[in-house]
Amino acid sequence: MKNLTKIILTSVLVMSIGSSVASADVTKGQKLYLKKLKGACGMNGAKMATKHSQMEWEMVKDNLAQEIKNICPNASDRSLKEKYVPHYFDFFYEYANDSGNVPSC
């Protein structure tokens, strides 16, 4: 019985660590913006992030790729891949116009 409990607890621990690693990241979003969108948008990340407040970014979260396309019509579909969008969101949310934070890009 002790072995079964140890196996279950270990499994839960491994799964919780694995799921946190797979989450989006502000720094990765900033790097992706600089690499993939800065040229197409014609503005730095700080200006892009301040296009909306945190609440407004939350409201467009489900359609973030379309919102980026509205703000940056020259953005390619390759730069708006589904795997990039959560990172973009975290970056824009962190540096929104009402957050008080300023990115270094």
Protein backbone atom coordinates (compact mmCIF):
# COMPACT_ATOMS: atom_id res chain seq x y z
CA MET A 1 0.00 0.00 0.00
CA LYS A 2 2.88 2.40 0.77
CA ASN A 3 4.39 1.77 -2.66
CA LEU A 4 1.12 2.58 -4.41
CA THR A 5 0.81 5.82 -2.45
CA LYS A 6 4.39 6.79 -3.33
CA ILE A 7 3.77 6.09 -7.01
CA ILE A 8 0.58 8.16 -7.04
CA LEU A 9 2.18 11.10 -5.23
CA THR A 10 5.19 11.00 -7.53
CA SER A 11 2.92 10.95 -10.57
CA VAL A 12 0.95 13.94 -9.31
CA LEU A 13 4.17 15.86 -8.65
CA VAL A 14 5.58 15.11 -12.10
CA MET A 15 2.34 16.10 -13.80
CA SER A 16 2.11 19.39 -11.90
CA ILE A 17 5.69 20.33 -12.80
CA GLY A 18 5.16 19.34 -16.42
CA SER A 19 2.03 21.44 -16.78
CA SER A 20 3.69 24.57 -15.40
CA VAL A 21 6.53 24.26 -17.90
CA ALA A 22 4.05 24.15 -20.78
CA SER A 23 2.41 27.45 -19.84
CA ALA A 24 2.93 30.73 -21.69
CA ASP A 25 5.71 33.14 -20.81
CA VAL A 26 6.01 36.95 -20.87
CA THR A 27 9.71 36.88 -21.80
CA LYS A 28 9.10 34.42 -24.62
CA GLY A 29 6.22 36.60 -25.84
CA GLN A 30 8.52 39.61 -25.91
CA LYS A 31 11.19 37.72 -27.85
CA LEU A 32 8.60 36.39 -30.30
CA TYR A 33 7.17 39.88 -30.80
CA LEU A 34 10.63 41.28 -31.53
CA LYS A 35 11.46 38.48 -33.94
CA LYS A 36 8.12 37.91 -35.67
CA LEU A 37 5.96 41.05 -35.41
CA LYS A 38 8.02 44.18 -34.76
CA GLY A 39 8.90 44.74 -38.42
CA ALA A 40 5.39 44.03 -39.67
CA CYS A 41 3.77 46.24 -37.03
CA GLY A 42 6.24 49.09 -37.37
CA MET A 43 6.26 49.73 -33.62
CA ASN A 44 8.12 48.48 -30.61
CA GLY A 45 6.60 46.08 -28.11
CA ALA A 46 5.80 48.78 -25.56
CA LYS A 47 3.67 50.72 -28.03
CA MET A 48 1.92 47.55 -29.22
CA ALA A 49 1.12 46.36 -25.69
CA THR A 50 -0.33 49.74 -24.74
CA LYS A 51 -2.92 49.56 -27.51
CA HIS A 52 -5.27 48.05 -24.91
CA SER A 53 -5.75 47.83 -21.15
CA GLN A 54 -5.41 44.51 -19.36
CA MET A 55 -9.17 44.06 -19.37
CA GLU A 56 -9.35 44.77 -23.09
CA TRP A 57 -6.57 42.24 -23.78
CA GLU A 58 -8.55 39.68 -21.76
CA MET A 59 -11.65 40.43 -23.83
CA VAL A 60 -9.83 39.77 -27.13
CA LYS A 61 -7.82 36.80 -25.81
CA ASP A 62 -9.89 34.22 -27.70
CA ASN A 63 -9.45 36.16 -30.96
CA LEU A 64 -5.99 37.54 -30.29
CA ALA A 65 -4.56 36.56 -33.66
CA GLN A 66 -7.33 38.51 -35.40
CA GLU A 67 -6.81 41.51 -33.11
CA ILE A 68 -3.09 41.52 -33.88
CA LYS A 69 -3.98 41.36 -37.58
CA ASN A 70 -6.30 44.37 -37.12
CA ILE A 71 -3.56 46.40 -35.42
CA CYS A 72 -0.81 45.12 -37.74
CA PRO A 73 -2.31 44.34 -41.16
CA ASN A 74 1.13 43.41 -42.51
CA ALA A 75 1.60 40.60 -39.96
CA SER A 76 2.00 37.27 -41.69
CA ASP A 77 -0.03 34.22 -40.80
CA ARG A 78 3.23 32.41 -40.01
CA SER A 79 3.95 34.89 -37.22
CA LEU A 80 0.48 34.30 -35.75
CA LYS A 81 0.71 30.54 -35.32
CA GLU A 82 -1.47 29.08 -32.61
CA LYS A 83 1.54 28.10 -30.51
CA TYR A 84 2.76 31.74 -30.37
CA VAL A 85 -0.54 33.38 -29.41
CA PRO A 86 -0.50 32.52 -25.64
CA HIS A 87 2.98 34.03 -25.35
CA TYR A 88 1.90 37.18 -27.21
CA PHE A 89 -1.08 37.46 -24.86
CA ASP A 90 1.07 37.18 -21.73
CA PHE A 91 3.44 39.83 -23.09
CA PHE A 92 0.65 42.26 -24.09
CA TYR A 93 -1.22 41.70 -20.83
CA GLU A 94 1.89 42.24 -18.68
CA TYR A 95 2.71 45.55 -20.40
CA ALA A 96 -0.82 46.86 -21.10
CA ASN A 97 -1.47 50.58 -20.82
CA ASP A 98 -2.85 50.28 -17.28
CA SER A 99 -0.24 47.87 -15.91
CA GLY A 100 2.49 50.37 -15.06
CA ASN A 101 5.12 48.07 -16.54
CA VAL A 102 7.38 49.02 -19.45
CA PRO A 103 9.17 46.39 -21.56
CA SER A 104 12.74 46.82 -22.68
CA CYS A 105 12.09 46.57 -26.41
